[in-house]
C-alpha atoms as a PDB file:
ATOM      1  CA  MET A   1      89.269  74.090 340.639  1.00  0.00           C
ATOM      2  CA  GLY A   2      90.400  77.585 341.328  1.00  0.00           C
ATOM      3  CA  ARG A   3      93.657  78.963 342.825  1.00  0.00           C
ATOM      4  CA  MET A   4      95.481  76.983 345.288  1.00  0.00           C
ATOM      5  CA  SER A   5      95.165  79.694 348.051  1.00  0.00           C
ATOM      6  CA  GLU A   6      91.245  79.457 347.791  1.00  0.00           C
ATOM      7  CA  LYS A   7      90.973  75.907 348.799  1.00  0.00           C
ATOM      8  CA  VAL A   8      89.840  74.881 352.221  1.00  0.00           C
ATOM      9  CA  ILE A   9      89.433  71.262 353.154  1.00  0.00           C
ATOM     10  CA  ILE A  10      87.085  70.214 356.051  1.00  0.00           C
ATOM     11  CA  ASN A  11      88.313  66.899 357.082  1.00  0.00           C
ATOM     12  CA  CYS A  12      85.754  64.927 359.345  1.00  0.00           C
ATOM     13  CA  LEU A  13      87.618  61.703 359.681  1.00  0.00           C
ATOM     14  CA  PRO A  14      88.373  60.353 363.172  1.00  0.00           C
ATOM     15  CA  LEU A  15      92.090  60.467 362.589  1.00  0.00           C
ATOM     16  CA  THR A  16      94.896  59.373 364.862  1.00  0.00           C
ATOM     17  CA  ASP A  17      97.694  61.835 365.637  1.00  0.00           C
ATOM     18  CA  SER A  18      99.941  60.264 363.050  1.00  0.00           C
ATOM     19  CA  GLU A  19      97.280  60.030 360.442  1.00  0.00           C
ATOM     20  CA  ARG A  20      96.379  63.706 361.032  1.00  0.00           C
ATOM     21  CA  GLN A  21     100.223  64.592 360.622  1.00  0.00           C
ATOM     22  CA  ALA A  22     100.129  62.606 357.131  1.00  0.00           C
ATOM     23  CA  PHE A  23      97.177  64.694 356.093  1.00  0.00           C
ATOM     24  CA  SER A  24      98.809  67.886 357.006  1.00  0.00           C
ATOM     25  CA  SER A  25     101.955  66.812 355.141  1.00  0.00           C
ATOM     26  CA  ALA A  26      99.913  66.114 352.016  1.00  0.00           C
ATOM     27  CA  THR A  27      98.863  69.793 351.595  1.00  0.00           C
ATOM     28  CA  ALA A  28     102.137  71.313 353.092  1.00  0.00           C
ATOM     29  CA  GLY A  29     103.390  74.197 350.897  1.00  0.00           C
ATOM     30  CA  THR A  30     100.429  74.081 348.646  1.00  0.00           C
ATOM     31  CA  GLY A  31      98.460  76.956 350.213  1.00  0.00           C
ATOM     32  CA  VAL A  32      95.610  74.646 350.829  1.00  0.00           C
ATOM     33  CA  GLU A  33      94.000  75.095 354.278  1.00  0.00           C
ATOM     34  CA  GLN A  34      92.850  71.919 356.161  1.00  0.00           C
ATOM     35  CA  HIS A  35      90.635  71.906 359.191  1.00  0.00           C
ATOM     36  CA  PHE A  36      90.394  68.773 361.259  1.00  0.00           C
ATOM     37  CA  VAL A  37      86.985  68.439 362.748  1.00  0.00           C
ATOM     38  CA  GLY A  38      86.672  64.904 363.221  1.00  0.00           C
ATOM     39  CA  ASN A  39      86.133  63.198 366.632  1.00  0.00           C
ATOM     40  CA  PRO A  40      89.087  60.553 367.170  1.00  0.00           C
ATOM     41  CA  LEU A  41      86.903  58.932 369.750  1.00  0.00           C
ATOM     42  CA  GLN A  42      84.678  57.606 366.922  1.00  0.00           C
ATOM     43  CA  ARG A  43      87.573  55.535 365.724  1.00  0.00           C
ATOM     44  CA  GLY A  44      86.561  51.723 366.042  1.00  0.00           C
ATOM     45  CA  THR A  45      82.820  52.558 366.349  1.00  0.00           C
ATOM     46  CA  MET A  46      80.445  51.216 363.872  1.00  0.00           C
ATOM     47  CA  SER A  47      79.235  54.626 362.473  1.00  0.00           C
ATOM     48  CA  TRP A  48      81.062  57.804 362.173  1.00  0.00           C
ATOM     49  CA  GLN A  49      79.525  61.291 362.264  1.00  0.00           C
ATOM     50  CA  ALA A  50      80.412  64.160 360.164  1.00  0.00           C
ATOM     51  CA  SER A  51      79.417  67.846 360.070  1.00  0.00           C
ATOM     52  CA  VAL A  52      80.890  71.109 358.949  1.00  0.00           C
ATOM     53  CA  PRO A  53      81.045  73.870 361.546  1.00  0.00           C
ATOM     54  CA  ASP A  54      78.835  76.857 360.890  1.00  0.00           C
ATOM     55  CA  GLU A  55      81.882  79.245 360.806  1.00  0.00           C
ATOM     56  CA  LEU A  56      83.394  77.123 358.142  1.00  0.00           C
ATOM     57  CA  ARG A  57      80.472  76.648 355.939  1.00  0.00           C
ATOM     58  CA  ASP A  58      81.201  79.811 353.762  1.00  0.00           C
ATOM     59  CA  VAL A  59      84.823  78.952 352.983  1.00  0.00           C
ATOM     60  CA  ALA A  60      84.757  75.136 352.700  1.00  0.00           C
ATOM     61  CA  THR A  61      85.615  73.846 349.103  1.00  0.00           C
ATOM     62  CA  ALA A  62      86.174  70.268 349.914  1.00  0.00           C
ATOM     63  CA  VAL A  63      84.730  67.951 352.658  1.00  0.00           C
ATOM     64  CA  ILE A  64      86.038  64.493 353.630  1.00  0.00           C
ATOM     65  CA  GLY A  65      83.187  62.671 355.204  1.00  0.00           C
ATOM     66  CA  ASN A  66      79.555  61.681 354.836  1.00  0.00           C
ATOM     67  CA  ILE A  67      77.867  64.925 355.986  1.00  0.00           C
ATOM     68  CA  SER A  68      73.999  65.147 355.786  1.00  0.00           C
ATOM     69  CA  PRO A  69      73.003  65.761 352.112  1.00  0.00           C
ATOM     70  CA  ALA A  70      70.648  68.539 353.464  1.00  0.00           C
ATOM     71  CA  ASP A  71      73.808  70.329 354.897  1.00  0.00           C
ATOM     72  CA  CYS A  72      75.408  70.344 351.264  1.00  0.00           C
ATOM     73  CA  ALA A  73      73.161  73.242 350.285  1.00  0.00           C
ATOM     74  CA  GLN A  74      74.710  75.289 353.054  1.00  0.00           C
ATOM     75  CA  LEU A  75      78.215  74.873 351.584  1.00  0.00           C
ATOM     76  CA  PRO A  76      78.225  77.652 348.645  1.00  0.00           C
ATOM     77  CA  HIS A  77      81.734  77.014 347.462  1.00  0.00           C
ATOM     78  CA  LEU A  78      81.820  73.430 347.683  1.00  0.00           C
ATOM     79  CA  GLU A  79      83.798  71.509 344.635  1.00  0.00           C
ATOM     80  CA  TRP A  80      84.570  68.261 346.031  1.00  0.00           C
ATOM     81  CA  LEU A  81      82.857  65.694 348.496  1.00  0.00           C
ATOM     82  CA  GLN A  82      84.986  62.678 349.403  1.00  0.00           C
ATOM     83  CA  THR A  83      82.861  60.098 351.216  1.00  0.00           C
ATOM     84  CA  TRP A  84      83.969  57.305 353.478  1.00  0.00           C
ATOM     85  CA  SER A  85      81.396  55.023 352.205  1.00  0.00           C
ATOM     86  CA  ALA A  86      81.216  53.140 348.787  1.00  0.00           C
ATOM     87  CA  GLY A  87      77.759  54.219 348.122  1.00  0.00           C
ATOM     88  CA  VAL A  88      77.035  57.866 347.122  1.00  0.00           C
ATOM     89  CA  ASP A  89      73.269  57.504 346.022  1.00  0.00           C
ATOM     90  CA  ARG A  90      72.244  60.119 348.591  1.00  0.00           C
ATOM     91  CA  TYR A  91      74.707  62.677 347.188  1.00  0.00           C
ATOM     92  CA  VAL A  92      74.427  62.320 343.573  1.00  0.00           C
ATOM     93  CA  ALA A  93      70.469  62.587 343.799  1.00  0.00           C
ATOM     94  CA  PRO A  94      69.039  65.528 341.841  1.00  0.00           C
ATOM     95  CA  GLY A  95      69.236  68.763 343.640  1.00  0.00           C
ATOM     96  CA  VAL A  96      71.528  67.629 346.403  1.00  0.00           C
ATOM     97  CA  LEU A  97      74.853  68.959 345.110  1.00  0.00           C
ATOM     98  CA  ALA A  98      75.415  71.968 342.734  1.00  0.00           C
ATOM     99  CA  ASP A  99      76.370  71.277 339.134  1.00  0.00           C
ATOM    100  CA  GLY A 100      80.308  70.612 338.789  1.00  0.00           C
ATOM    101  CA  VAL A 101      80.717  69.381 342.423  1.00  0.00           C
ATOM    102  CA  GLN A 102      82.825  66.200 342.384  1.00  0.00           C
ATOM    103  CA  VAL A 103      81.984  63.191 344.262  1.00  0.00           C
ATOM    104  CA  THR A 104      84.566  60.633 345.224  1.00  0.00           C
ATOM    105  CA  ASN A 105      84.079  57.444 347.462  1.00  0.00           C
ATOM    106  CA  ALA A 106      85.930  54.851 349.414  1.00  0.00           C
ATOM    107  CA  THR A 107      85.673  52.083 346.817  1.00  0.00           C
ATOM    108  CA  GLY A 108      88.510  49.774 347.572  1.00  0.00           C
ATOM    109  CA  ALA A 109      88.009  49.832 351.289  1.00  0.00           C
ATOM    110  CA  TYR A 110      85.164  47.459 351.600  1.00  0.00           C
ATOM    111  CA  GLY A 111      86.162  44.524 349.479  1.00  0.00           C
ATOM    112  CA  GLN A 112      87.801  42.528 352.044  1.00  0.00           C
ATOM    113  CA  THR A 113      85.263  42.809 354.872  1.00  0.00           C
ATOM    114  CA  VAL A 114      82.154  42.308 352.589  1.00  0.00           C
ATOM    115  CA  SER A 115      83.714  39.447 350.744  1.00  0.00           C
ATOM    116  CA  GLU A 116      84.625  37.538 353.943  1.00  0.00           C
ATOM    117  CA  HIS A 117      81.119  37.977 355.175  1.00  0.00           C
ATOM    118  CA  LEU A 118      79.755  36.475 351.876  1.00  0.00           C
ATOM    119  CA  PHE A 119      82.295  33.683 352.079  1.00  0.00           C
ATOM    120  CA  ALA A 120      81.439  32.896 355.623  1.00  0.00           C
ATOM    121  CA  MET A 121      77.516  32.884 354.685  1.00  0.00           C
ATOM    122  CA  MET A 122      78.291  30.678 351.652  1.00  0.00           C
ATOM    123  CA  TRP A 123      80.128  28.014 353.637  1.00  0.00           C
ATOM    124  CA  ALA A 124      77.769  28.110 356.569  1.00  0.00           C
ATOM    125  CA  LEU A 125      74.806  27.543 354.329  1.00  0.00           C
ATOM    126  CA  MET A 126      76.793  24.747 352.403  1.00  0.00           C
ATOM    127  CA  ARG A 127      77.290  22.908 355.703  1.00  0.00           C
ATOM    128  CA  ASN A 128      73.681  23.563 357.084  1.00  0.00           C
ATOM    129  CA  LEU A 129      74.968  25.557 360.099  1.00  0.00           C
ATOM    130  CA  PRO A 130      72.029  28.004 360.238  1.00  0.00           C
ATOM    131  CA  MET A 131      69.689  24.936 360.745  1.00  0.00           C
ATOM    132  CA  TYR A 132      72.155  23.262 363.252  1.00  0.00           C
ATOM    133  CA  ALA A 133      72.095  26.567 365.202  1.00  0.00           C
ATOM    134  CA  ARG A 134      68.285  26.532 365.210  1.00  0.00           C
ATOM    135  CA  GLN A 135      68.411  22.773 366.494  1.00  0.00           C
ATOM    136  CA  GLN A 136      70.877  23.812 369.231  1.00  0.00           C
ATOM    137  CA  THR A 137      68.347  26.380 370.782  1.00  0.00           C
ATOM    138  CA  GLU A 138      65.911  23.397 370.757  1.00  0.00           C
ATOM    139  CA  ARG A 139      68.437  21.043 372.226  1.00  0.00           C
ATOM    140  CA  ARG A 140      67.923  18.667 369.364  1.00  0.00           C
ATOM    141  CA  TRP A 141      70.426  16.262 368.128  1.00  0.00           C
ATOM    142  CA  HIS A 142      69.702  15.484 364.585  1.00  0.00           C
ATOM    143  CA  ASP A 143      71.736  14.741 361.453  1.00  0.00           C
ATOM    144  CA  LEU A 144      70.470  16.943 358.632  1.00  0.00           C
ATOM    145  CA  GLY A 145      71.982  14.919 355.921  1.00  0.00           C
ATOM    146  CA  ARG A 146      73.961  15.925 352.905  1.00  0.00           C
ATOM    147  CA  ALA A 147      76.067  18.898 352.842  1.00  0.00           C
ATOM    148  CA  LEU A 148      77.714  20.968 349.982  1.00  0.00           C
ATOM    149  CA  THR A 149      81.270  22.056 349.170  1.00  0.00           C
ATOM    150  CA  PRO A 150      82.707  25.057 347.201  1.00  0.00           C
ATOM    151  CA  HIS A 151      85.374  22.626 345.785  1.00  0.00           C
ATOM    152  CA  GLY A 152      84.353  22.268 342.300  1.00  0.00           C
ATOM    153  CA  ALA A 153      81.355  24.520 342.435  1.00  0.00           C
ATOM    154  CA  ASN A 154      80.429  26.896 339.801  1.00  0.00           C
ATOM    155  CA  VAL A 155      80.179  30.303 341.556  1.00  0.00           C
ATOM    156  CA  LEU A 156      78.314  33.026 339.598  1.00  0.00           C
ATOM    157  CA  ILE A 157      79.260  36.493 340.806  1.00  0.00           C
ATOM    158  CA  ILE A 158      77.041  39.308 339.584  1.00  0.00           C
ATOM    159  CA  GLY A 159      78.924  42.479 340.105  1.00  0.00           C
ATOM    160  CA  THR A 160      82.652  42.157 339.807  1.00  0.00           C
ATOM    161  CA  GLY A 161      83.933  45.382 341.349  1.00  0.00           C
ATOM    162  CA  ASP A 162      86.109  45.450 344.454  1.00  0.00           C
ATOM    163  CA  ILE A 163      83.780  43.159 346.409  1.00  0.00           C
ATOM    164  CA  GLY A 164      82.927  40.734 343.778  1.00  0.00           C
ATOM    165  CA  SER A 165      86.646  40.314 342.833  1.00  0.00           C
ATOM    166  CA  HIS A 166      87.635  39.762 346.484  1.00  0.00           C
ATOM    167  CA  PHE A 167      84.790  37.166 346.815  1.00  0.00           C
ATOM    168  CA  ALA A 168      85.969  35.537 343.742  1.00  0.00           C
ATOM    169  CA  ILE A 169      89.545  35.096 345.048  1.00  0.00           C
ATOM    170  CA  LEU A 170      88.508  33.571 348.124  1.00  0.00           C
ATOM    171  CA  CYS A 171      86.166  31.142 346.341  1.00  0.00           C
ATOM    172  CA  LYS A 172      89.086  30.087 343.995  1.00  0.00           C
ATOM    173  CA  ALA A 173      91.370  29.450 346.915  1.00  0.00           C
ATOM    174  CA  VAL A 174      89.045  26.600 347.877  1.00  0.00           C
ATOM    175  CA  GLY A 175      88.777  25.147 344.405  1.00  0.00           C
ATOM    176  CA  ALA A 176      85.644  26.805 343.030  1.00  0.00           C
ATOM    177  CA  HIS A 177      85.198  27.914 339.313  1.00  0.00           C
ATOM    178  CA  THR A 178      84.339  31.613 339.114  1.00  0.00           C
ATOM    179  CA  ILE A 179      81.851  33.218 336.624  1.00  0.00           C
ATOM    180  CA  GLY A 180      81.681  37.008 336.552  1.00  0.00           C
ATOM    181  CA  VAL A 181      78.948  39.119 335.206  1.00  0.00           C
ATOM    182  CA  ARG A 182      79.338  42.696 334.563  1.00  0.00           C
ATOM    183  CA  ARG A 183      77.983  45.502 332.116  1.00  0.00           C
ATOM    184  CA  ASP A 184      81.273  45.304 330.110  1.00  0.00           C
ATOM    185  CA  ALA A 185      82.573  41.853 329.800  1.00  0.00           C
ATOM    186  CA  SER A 186      85.628  42.990 328.079  1.00  0.00           C
ATOM    187  CA  ARG A 187      86.845  44.392 331.510  1.00  0.00           C
ATOM    188  CA  LEU A 188      88.514  41.554 333.385  1.00  0.00           C
ATOM    189  CA  ALA A 189      88.625  41.338 337.114  1.00  0.00           C
ATOM    190  CA  ASP A 190      91.004  39.585 339.538  1.00  0.00           C
ATOM    191  CA  GLY A 191      89.718  36.172 340.593  1.00  0.00           C
ATOM    192  CA  ILE A 192      87.224  35.577 337.730  1.00  0.00           C
ATOM    193  CA  ASP A 193      87.781  32.714 335.492  1.00  0.00           C
ATOM    194  CA  ASP A 194      85.100  33.591 332.764  1.00  0.00           C
ATOM    195  CA  MET A 195      83.476  37.084 332.321  1.00  0.00           C
ATOM    196  CA  HIS A 196      80.116  37.621 330.761  1.00  0.00           C
ATOM    197  CA  ASP A 197      77.712  40.659 330.347  1.00  0.00           C
ATOM    198  CA  PHE A 198      74.011  40.857 331.748  1.00  0.00           C
ATOM    199  CA  SER A 199      72.464  39.747 328.545  1.00  0.00           C
ATOM    200  CA  GLU A 200      73.880  36.225 329.210  1.00  0.00           C
ATOM    201  CA  LEU A 201      72.532  36.008 332.662  1.00  0.00           C
ATOM    202  CA  ASP A 202      69.680  33.694 332.054  1.00  0.00           C
ATOM    203  CA  THR A 203      71.952  31.085 330.405  1.00  0.00           C
ATOM    204  CA  LEU A 204      74.390  31.270 333.264  1.00  0.00           C
ATOM    205  CA  LEU A 205      71.831  30.814 336.147  1.00  0.00           C
ATOM    206  CA  PRO A 206      70.838  27.137 335.689  1.00  0.00           C
ATOM    207  CA  ASP A 207      74.364  25.885 335.904  1.00  0.00           C
ATOM    208  CA  ALA A 208      75.342  28.003 339.071  1.00  0.00           C
ATOM    209  CA  ASP A 209      75.985  26.287 342.400  1.00  0.00           C
ATOM    210  CA  VAL A 210      76.420  29.756 344.117  1.00  0.00           C
ATOM    211  CA  ILE A 211      74.954  33.133 342.958  1.00  0.00           C
ATOM    212  CA  ALA A 212      76.503  36.125 344.796  1.00  0.00           C
ATOM    213  CA  LEU A 213      75.100  39.612 344.166  1.00  0.00           C
ATOM    214  CA  ALA A 214      77.289  42.607 344.674  1.00  0.00           C
ATOM    215  CA  VAL A 215      75.741  45.149 342.516  1.00  0.00           C
ATOM    216  CA  PRO A 216      75.045  48.825 343.085  1.00  0.00           C
ATOM    217  CA  ALA A 217      71.500  50.316 343.116  1.00  0.00           C
ATOM    218  CA  ALA A 218      70.425  51.020 339.602  1.00  0.00           C
ATOM    219  CA  PRO A 219      67.250  50.856 337.589  1.00  0.00           C
ATOM    220  CA  ASP A 220      68.409  47.804 335.839  1.00  0.00           C
ATOM    221  CA  THR A 221      69.358  45.966 338.911  1.00  0.00           C
ATOM    222  CA  THR A 222      66.224  46.426 340.758  1.00  0.00           C
ATOM    223  CA  HIS A 223      64.701  42.916 341.135  1.00  0.00           C
ATOM    224  CA  LEU A 224      67.392  41.552 338.888  1.00  0.00           C
ATOM    225  CA  ILE A 225      66.557  38.136 340.584  1.00  0.00           C
ATOM    226  CA  ASP A 226      62.758  37.891 340.353  1.00  0.00           C
ATOM    227  CA  GLY A 227      60.243  35.092 340.252  1.00  0.00           C
ATOM    228  CA  ARG A 228      61.063  33.926 336.929  1.00  0.00           C
ATOM    229  CA  ARG A 229      64.966  33.746 337.433  1.00  0.00           C
ATOM    230  CA  LEU A 230      64.507  32.098 340.801  1.00  0.00           C
ATOM    231  CA  THR A 231      62.748  29.169 339.041  1.00  0.00           C
ATOM    232  CA  MET A 232      65.850  28.748 336.897  1.00  0.00           C
ATOM    233  CA  LEU A 233      68.224  28.061 339.798  1.00  0.00           C
ATOM    234  CA  LYS A 234      69.188  24.432 340.975  1.00  0.00           C
ATOM    235  CA  SER A 235      67.363  23.165 344.036  1.00  0.00           C
ATOM    236  CA  THR A 236      70.804  22.791 345.571  1.00  0.00           C
ATOM    237  CA  ALA A 237      71.966  26.335 344.713  1.00  0.00           C
ATOM    238  CA  ILE A 238      72.801  29.138 347.191  1.00  0.00           C
ATOM    239  CA  LEU A 239      71.949  32.716 346.827  1.00  0.00           C
ATOM    240  CA  LEU A 240      73.856  35.371 348.401  1.00  0.00           C
ATOM    241  CA  ASN A 241      73.353  39.330 348.389  1.00  0.00           C
ATOM    242  CA  ALA A 242      75.610  41.873 350.094  1.00  0.00           C
ATOM    243  CA  GLY A 243      75.151  44.579 347.492  1.00  0.00           C
ATOM    244  CA  ARG A 244      71.635  46.180 347.478  1.00  0.00           C
ATOM    245  CA  GLY A 245      68.596  44.650 349.010  1.00  0.00           C
ATOM    246  CA  ASN A 246      66.331  45.530 346.117  1.00  0.00           C
ATOM    247  CA  ALA A 247      68.379  43.308 343.717  1.00  0.00           C
ATOM    248  CA  ILE A 248      66.145  40.470 344.849  1.00  0.00           C
ATOM    249  CA  GLU A 249      62.473  40.396 344.740  1.00  0.00           C
ATOM    250  CA  PRO A 250      61.480  39.710 348.380  1.00  0.00           C
ATOM    251  CA  ARG A 251      57.973  38.043 347.853  1.00  0.00           C
ATOM    252  CA  ALA A 252      59.287  35.712 345.165  1.00  0.00           C
ATOM    253  CA  LEU A 253      62.251  34.891 347.225  1.00  0.00           C
ATOM    254  CA  ALA A 254      59.987  33.965 350.228  1.00  0.00           C
ATOM    255  CA  ARG A 255      57.855  31.860 347.911  1.00  0.00           C
ATOM    256  CA  ALA A 256      60.901  29.997 346.419  1.00  0.00           C
ATOM    257  CA  LEU A 257      62.138  29.252 349.961  1.00  0.00           C
ATOM    258  CA  ALA A 258      58.657  28.212 351.126  1.00  0.00           C
ATOM    259  CA  GLU A 259      58.639  25.611 348.100  1.00  0.00           C
ATOM    260  CA  ASP A 260      62.276  24.493 348.814  1.00  0.00           C
ATOM    261  CA  GLN A 261      63.410  25.730 345.427  1.00  0.00           C
ATOM    262  CA  LEU A 262      66.938  26.725 346.866  1.00  0.00           C
ATOM    263  CA  HIS A 263      69.376  24.976 349.296  1.00  0.00           C
ATOM    264  CA  GLY A 264      69.859  28.276 351.042  1.00  0.00           C
ATOM    265  CA  VAL A 265      69.770  32.101 350.980  1.00  0.00           C
ATOM    266  CA  GLY A 266      72.283  34.467 352.612  1.00  0.00           C
ATOM    267  CA  LEU A 267      71.003  38.122 353.029  1.00  0.00           C
ATOM    268  CA  ASP A 268      72.976  40.940 354.415  1.00  0.00           C
ATOM    269  CA  VAL A 269      70.849  43.457 352.589  1.00  0.00           C
ATOM    270  CA  THR A 270      67.109  43.281 352.281  1.00  0.00           C
ATOM    271  CA  GLU A 271      64.207  45.020 350.734  1.00  0.00           C
ATOM    272  CA  PRO A 272      63.202  46.938 352.684  1.00  0.00           C
ATOM    273  CA  GLU A 273      65.721  47.760 355.546  1.00  0.00           C
ATOM    274  CA  PRO A 274      65.270  46.981 358.247  1.00  0.00           C
ATOM    275  CA  LEU A 275      63.581  43.783 357.368  1.00  0.00           C
ATOM    276  CA  PRO A 276      59.926  44.026 358.864  1.00  0.00           C
ATOM    277  CA  ALA A 277      59.339  41.811 361.774  1.00  0.00           C
ATOM    278  CA  ASP A 278      56.316  40.155 359.863  1.00  0.00           C
ATOM    279  CA  SER A 279      58.560  39.240 356.855  1.00  0.00           C
ATOM    280  CA  PRO A 280      58.125  35.485 356.174  1.00  0.00           C
ATOM    281  CA  LEU A 281      62.085  35.412 355.568  1.00  0.00           C
ATOM    282  CA  TRP A 282      62.787  35.464 359.257  1.00  0.00           C
ATOM    283  CA  ASP A 283      61.111  32.066 359.753  1.00  0.00           C
ATOM    284  CA  GLU A 284      62.721  30.217 356.829  1.00  0.00           C
ATOM    285  CA  PRO A 285      65.306  27.789 358.270  1.00  0.00           C
ATOM    286  CA  HIS A 286      67.293  27.954 354.885  1.00  0.00           C
ATOM    287  CA  CYS A 287      67.717  31.835 355.098  1.00  0.00           C
ATOM    288  CA  LEU A 288      70.543  33.341 356.872  1.00  0.00           C
ATOM    289  CA  ILE A 289      70.000  37.274 357.601  1.00  0.00           C
ATOM    290  CA  THR A 290      72.393  39.779 358.896  1.00  0.00           C
ATOM    291  CA  PRO A 291      71.551  43.244 359.518  1.00  0.00           C
ATOM    292  CA  HIS A 292      73.729  45.116 356.846  1.00  0.00           C
ATOM    293  CA  VAL A 293      76.944  44.446 358.732  1.00  0.00           C
ATOM    294  CA  ALA A 294      79.113  43.059 356.033  1.00  0.00           C
ATOM    295  CA  GLY A 295      80.728  46.378 355.539  1.00  0.00           C
ATOM    296  CA  GLY A 296      80.989  49.289 357.751  1.00  0.00           C
ATOM    297  CA  ASN A 297      83.900  49.556 360.318  1.00  0.00           C
ATOM    298  CA  HIS A 298      83.627  46.002 361.509  1.00  0.00           C
ATOM    299  CA  LEU A 299      87.385  45.456 360.434  1.00  0.00           C
ATOM    300  CA  ALA A 300      90.113  47.757 361.472  1.00  0.00           C
ATOM    301  CA  VAL A 301      91.690  47.333 358.058  1.00  0.00           C
ATOM    302  CA  THR A 302      88.538  48.821 356.427  1.00  0.00           C
ATOM    303  CA  GLU A 303      89.115  52.055 358.571  1.00  0.00           C
ATOM    304  CA  ASP A 304      92.842  52.252 357.546  1.00  0.00           C
ATOM    305  CA  ARG A 305      91.944  51.831 353.932  1.00  0.00           C
ATOM    306  CA  ILE A 306      89.208  54.645 354.006  1.00  0.00           C
ATOM    307  CA  VAL A 307      91.818  56.831 355.508  1.00  0.00           C
ATOM    308  CA  ALA A 308      94.312  55.833 352.886  1.00  0.00           C
ATOM    309  CA  ILE A 309      91.975  56.525 349.894  1.00  0.00           C
ATOM    310  CA  ALA A 310      91.248  60.037 351.345  1.00  0.00           C
ATOM    311  CA  LEU A 311      94.644  60.923 352.074  1.00  0.00           C
ATOM    312  CA  ASP A 312      95.623  60.153 348.542  1.00  0.00           C
ATOM    313  CA  ASN A 313      92.831  62.296 347.214  1.00  0.00           C
ATOM    314  CA  VAL A 314      93.624  65.128 349.505  1.00  0.00           C
ATOM    315  CA  ARG A 315      97.092  65.105 348.006  1.00  0.00           C
ATOM    316  CA  ARG A 316      95.768  65.064 344.510  1.00  0.00           C
ATOM    317  CA  TYR A 317      93.289  67.881 345.254  1.00  0.00           C
ATOM    318  CA  ALA A 318      96.168  69.989 346.780  1.00  0.00           C
ATOM    319  CA  HIS A 319      98.201  69.689 343.872  1.00  0.00           C
ATOM    320  CA  GLY A 320      95.669  69.992 341.266  1.00  0.00           C
ATOM    321  CA  GLU A 321      95.660  66.565 340.044  1.00  0.00           C
ATOM    322  CA  ALA A 322      92.709  64.255 338.884  1.00  0.00           C
ATOM    323  CA  LEU A 323      90.740  62.821 341.786  1.00  0.00           C
ATOM    324  CA  ALA A 324      90.682  58.993 342.228  1.00  0.00           C
ATOM    325  CA  ASN A 325      87.481  56.931 342.808  1.00  0.00           C
ATOM    326  CA  ARG A 326      85.312  59.746 341.110  1.00  0.00           C
ATOM    327  CA  ARG A 327      81.672  58.989 340.948  1.00  0.00           C
ATOM    328  CA  ARG A 328      80.617  62.358 339.626  1.00  0.00           C
END
């Protein structure tokens, strides 16, 4: 990484005074410079902005914050980028960063907020609340019949990282049986009763009462749930997605809903985003759509965890230790 005296961190986080002091303490006595350029007024807002001042671009060796990928080429000495997002696709794309630049993310900050959103969607769909909400706007008083319960349900969670594991814990707390799917089934995860790999997905889908997707974008997760797999699901199944929108094939999903193949669908992510106004999914009474708001800064605790993750890595960087949450 070079000598300690050559390190210059540009910290774009919107920090409180006490947090800034903690970051200063993390590099004290190491010879590492740290410049705080974040706007504290952004704290509590739904999106944070990050940029490296022109006068610091030639000396920056590390950046904390989601700067524009186009700006990365203007940082000739960059060796480490810490994002406040979990996703880093924009930065690891070919040609964005020079070879050898480390990228770390905020995995661990979003599990609570996204899993709670998924859980709320699941239970709302089970109790037919989206359809009752539609009736309310029409001033209609009508019993929609049978409801579902998570107690005793088989909840299939595809992607058992931070988000999937948090969701599993919530589901187990209300009596569900949790089945996880991940690339390496030998790696266990909190909240998962049984773990399987992707090769077993087709045998797991028919018995699932709830299918929750929390997978990152990857070639093998694109349209993971397609028309063929949608036909495998129970007519009482609930399908949820808060990972990447392209994990579900949208035309096949619209067709499955139109044909009442599913009890309900909850989407916080779609393909494409924003969901076009002419998408038939908007009109489906069994489809609950939110505009990619499960994560972000909607919970204060998420911001606190982002800061804590970055603080730990700043300390590691200043002391020449291996960085946590490395994605490249």
